[in-house]
Protein backbone atom coordinates (compact mmCIF):
# COMPACT_ATOMS: atom_id res chain seq x y z
CA MET A 1 -98.04 -228.79 -70.99
CA ASN A 2 -95.27 -228.08 -73.46
CA LYS A 3 -91.65 -227.39 -72.54
CA GLN A 4 -91.86 -223.61 -72.85
CA ALA A 5 -94.90 -223.34 -70.55
CA LEU A 6 -93.33 -225.78 -68.05
CA ARG A 7 -90.02 -223.88 -68.17
CA GLU A 8 -91.68 -220.62 -67.16
CA LEU A 9 -93.93 -222.26 -64.56
CA TYR A 10 -91.12 -224.14 -62.82
CA LYS A 11 -88.65 -221.26 -62.94
CA ASN A 12 -91.25 -219.29 -60.99
CA LYS A 13 -92.17 -222.18 -58.68
CA ARG A 14 -88.52 -222.71 -57.75
CA GLN A 15 -88.03 -218.99 -57.04
CA GLU A 16 -91.06 -219.11 -54.73
CA VAL A 17 -89.43 -221.74 -52.48
CA PRO A 18 -87.95 -219.81 -49.53
CA SER A 19 -84.14 -220.04 -49.28
CA LYS A 20 -84.35 -221.73 -45.86
CA THR A 21 -86.69 -224.38 -47.31
CA ARG A 22 -84.32 -224.91 -50.27
CA LEU A 23 -81.49 -225.60 -47.82
CA GLN A 24 -83.69 -228.16 -46.05
CA TYR A 25 -84.64 -229.74 -49.39
CA ASP A 26 -80.97 -229.95 -50.39
CA ASP A 27 -80.21 -231.81 -47.15
CA LEU A 28 -83.14 -234.18 -47.71
CA MET A 29 -81.97 -234.86 -51.28
CA LEU A 30 -78.49 -235.62 -49.94
CA ILE A 31 -80.05 -238.25 -47.66
CA GLN A 32 -81.78 -239.80 -50.69
CA PHE A 33 -78.55 -239.60 -52.72
CA GLN A 34 -76.65 -241.47 -50.00
CA LYS A 35 -78.85 -244.54 -50.59
CA PHE A 36 -77.15 -245.30 -53.92
CA ASP A 37 -74.43 -247.87 -54.45
CA PHE A 38 -71.68 -245.91 -56.17
CA SER A 39 -69.20 -248.79 -56.32
CA GLY A 40 -69.02 -248.61 -60.14
CA VAL A 41 -68.58 -244.83 -60.29
CA ARG A 42 -65.07 -243.53 -60.94
CA SER A 43 -65.84 -240.40 -62.96
CA LEU A 44 -68.48 -237.69 -62.40
CA LEU A 45 -69.62 -234.80 -64.55
CA THR A 46 -71.35 -232.24 -62.37
CA TYR A 47 -72.29 -228.58 -62.83
CA TRP A 48 -72.01 -225.39 -60.83
CA PRO A 49 -75.49 -224.49 -59.51
CA MET A 50 -76.85 -221.07 -60.41
CA PRO A 51 -78.10 -219.33 -57.25
CA HIS A 52 -80.14 -216.80 -59.26
CA GLN A 53 -82.06 -219.78 -60.70
CA ALA A 54 -82.56 -221.29 -57.20
CA GLU A 55 -80.99 -224.58 -58.37
CA PRO A 56 -80.31 -227.43 -55.95
CA ASN A 57 -76.84 -227.35 -54.39
CA THR A 58 -74.99 -229.97 -56.44
CA HIS A 59 -71.83 -229.29 -54.41
CA LEU A 60 -73.38 -231.28 -51.55
CA PHE A 61 -73.80 -234.34 -53.75
CA SER A 62 -70.41 -234.16 -55.46
CA GLY A 63 -68.73 -233.51 -52.09
CA TYR A 64 -70.35 -236.61 -50.61
CA LEU A 65 -69.33 -238.66 -53.63
CA ARG A 66 -65.74 -237.36 -53.45
CA HIS A 67 -65.62 -238.54 -49.84
CA MET A 68 -67.09 -241.97 -50.62
CA VAL A 69 -65.16 -242.75 -53.82
CA PRO A 70 -61.39 -242.40 -53.36
CA GLY A 71 -59.73 -241.12 -56.51
CA LEU A 72 -63.01 -239.91 -58.03
CA SER A 73 -62.44 -237.92 -61.22
CA ILE A 74 -64.69 -234.85 -61.26
CA SER A 75 -65.31 -232.71 -64.30
CA TYR A 76 -67.38 -229.66 -65.15
CA PRO A 77 -68.79 -228.48 -68.48
CA VAL A 78 -67.19 -225.74 -70.53
CA MET A 79 -69.87 -224.34 -72.84
CA ASP A 80 -69.57 -223.61 -76.54
CA PRO A 81 -72.68 -221.49 -77.20
CA ASP A 82 -72.04 -221.26 -80.94
CA ALA A 83 -72.25 -225.06 -81.29
CA HIS A 84 -74.91 -225.47 -78.54
CA SER A 85 -72.61 -228.02 -76.92
CA PHE A 86 -70.04 -228.38 -74.18
CA THR A 87 -66.97 -230.39 -73.33
CA ALA A 88 -66.21 -231.91 -69.93
CA HIS A 89 -63.02 -230.74 -68.18
CA GLN A 90 -61.47 -232.47 -65.18
CA ILE A 91 -60.84 -230.38 -62.09
CA ASP A 92 -58.57 -230.74 -59.05
CA GLU A 93 -58.01 -228.83 -55.81
CA ASN A 94 -56.04 -226.13 -57.69
CA THR A 95 -58.67 -225.45 -60.35
CA VAL A 96 -59.65 -221.83 -60.80
CA TYR A 97 -63.17 -221.08 -62.05
CA LYS A 98 -64.37 -218.19 -64.17
CA PRO A 99 -67.81 -217.17 -65.42
CA GLY A 100 -68.62 -218.73 -68.79
CA LYS A 101 -70.82 -217.36 -71.56
CA PHE A 102 -74.00 -217.73 -69.50
CA GLY A 103 -72.47 -216.54 -66.22
CA VAL A 104 -72.10 -220.11 -64.95
CA LEU A 105 -68.72 -220.85 -63.36
CA GLU A 106 -66.48 -223.09 -65.50
CA PRO A 107 -62.96 -224.44 -64.96
CA ASP A 108 -60.41 -221.97 -66.32
CA ALA A 109 -57.75 -224.59 -67.09
CA GLN A 110 -58.51 -226.82 -70.03
CA ASN A 111 -58.26 -230.51 -69.13
CA PRO A 112 -60.74 -232.26 -71.47
CA VAL A 113 -62.28 -235.59 -70.55
CA ASN A 114 -63.48 -238.17 -73.07
CA PRO A 115 -67.28 -238.49 -72.57
CA SER A 116 -67.01 -242.28 -72.89
CA THR A 117 -65.05 -242.41 -69.61
CA ILE A 118 -67.74 -240.68 -67.51
CA ASP A 119 -69.80 -242.95 -65.26
CA LEU A 120 -72.26 -240.48 -63.71
CA VAL A 121 -73.68 -237.19 -65.01
CA PHE A 122 -75.59 -234.71 -62.87
CA VAL A 123 -78.10 -233.15 -65.28
CA PRO A 124 -79.66 -229.74 -64.56
CA LEU A 125 -83.41 -229.44 -64.93
CA LEU A 126 -86.45 -227.42 -64.05
CA VAL A 127 -88.95 -230.29 -64.05
CA ALA A 128 -89.07 -233.94 -65.14
CA ASP A 129 -91.92 -236.23 -66.09
CA ARG A 130 -92.73 -239.81 -65.05
CA GLU A 131 -90.72 -241.24 -67.95
CA GLY A 132 -87.54 -239.39 -66.99
CA TYR A 133 -87.76 -236.71 -69.66
CA ARG A 134 -86.85 -233.29 -68.41
CA VAL A 135 -87.26 -229.63 -69.16
CA GLY A 136 -83.97 -227.77 -68.92
CA TYR A 137 -83.12 -224.27 -70.03
CA GLY A 138 -83.99 -224.92 -73.66
CA LYS A 139 -80.80 -225.38 -75.68
CA GLY A 140 -80.31 -229.16 -75.61
CA TYR A 141 -76.70 -229.06 -74.34
CA TYR A 142 -77.06 -232.06 -72.04
CA ASP A 143 -79.07 -234.15 -74.51
CA ARG A 144 -76.28 -233.68 -77.08
CA PHE A 145 -73.59 -234.49 -74.52
CA LEU A 146 -75.32 -237.61 -73.15
CA ALA A 147 -75.66 -238.93 -76.71
CA THR A 148 -71.82 -239.03 -76.85
CA CYS A 149 -71.38 -240.92 -73.56
CA ASN A 150 -71.08 -244.68 -73.18
CA LEU A 151 -74.28 -246.69 -72.91
CA GLY A 152 -73.65 -247.45 -69.24
CA VAL A 153 -73.48 -243.83 -68.12
CA ILE A 154 -75.92 -242.93 -65.33
CA SER A 155 -77.81 -239.65 -65.72
CA MET A 156 -79.23 -238.15 -62.54
CA GLY A 157 -81.25 -235.03 -61.87
CA PHE A 158 -82.18 -233.21 -58.67
CA SER A 159 -85.50 -231.45 -58.16
CA TYR A 160 -87.43 -229.84 -55.35
CA PHE A 161 -90.60 -231.13 -57.06
CA ASP A 162 -91.98 -234.56 -57.87
CA PRO A 163 -92.22 -235.44 -61.57
CA ILE A 164 -95.24 -234.32 -63.56
CA GLU A 165 -97.32 -236.79 -65.54
CA GLN A 166 -95.97 -235.96 -69.01
CA ILE A 167 -94.10 -233.34 -71.03
CA ALA A 168 -96.23 -232.86 -74.13
CA ASP A 169 -93.53 -232.09 -76.67
CA THR A 170 -90.61 -234.45 -76.10
CA ASP A 171 -88.81 -235.45 -79.28
CA GLN A 172 -86.39 -238.09 -80.59
CA PHE A 173 -83.32 -236.13 -79.44
CA ASP A 174 -84.40 -235.89 -75.79
CA VAL A 175 -82.43 -238.22 -73.54
CA PRO A 176 -84.33 -239.31 -70.41
CA LEU A 177 -82.79 -239.44 -66.95
CA HIS A 178 -82.09 -242.71 -65.19
CA TYR A 179 -82.82 -241.23 -61.75
CA LEU A 180 -84.50 -238.18 -60.27
CA ILE A 181 -83.73 -237.29 -56.67
CA THR A 182 -86.35 -235.27 -54.79
CA PRO A 183 -86.52 -234.39 -51.09
CA SER A 184 -88.95 -237.23 -50.43
CA ARG A 185 -87.82 -240.06 -52.72
CA ILE A 186 -85.78 -241.45 -55.60
CA TYR A 187 -87.48 -241.99 -58.96
CA GLU A 188 -85.96 -244.59 -61.25
CA PHE A 189 -86.83 -244.54 -64.95
């Protein structure tokens, strides 16, 4: 299937998962996430999950990481829809969030982070394939951002579903994930 068909299919599939089941899946993904060795991680780029899209609760994973990595630097994207890109901005306990251009919460205070200093990126997705390529929301924001990060950056996605065999229309600008966390296992690409 191509990205557009997969995007529609998996948006619907995710909405069909009952909210109680999603909470259970989030807990199971946290158990999988806890199996990683995060000793080299000092900086995380995460994102605010969109409840209306039934996205996995990334706050569970970043909260765990904050607890396990003292001094962890956490940043969130601030979108620039005109350029189809975003910049990472560091947050702290006093950060105030506001809805961005797409209704996703973003840090209000501007504290930009150099992409080359980020060790781990949580990447939103609807579905991934067995090579680590993913279908997101269709604008290429994360592919563009990951291309600016250092070569050692770890990209990680979270999905309620196992990867599909193949996305038919990947292209040269698509950046595959390193890991996909599902409720039942970790996929490494």
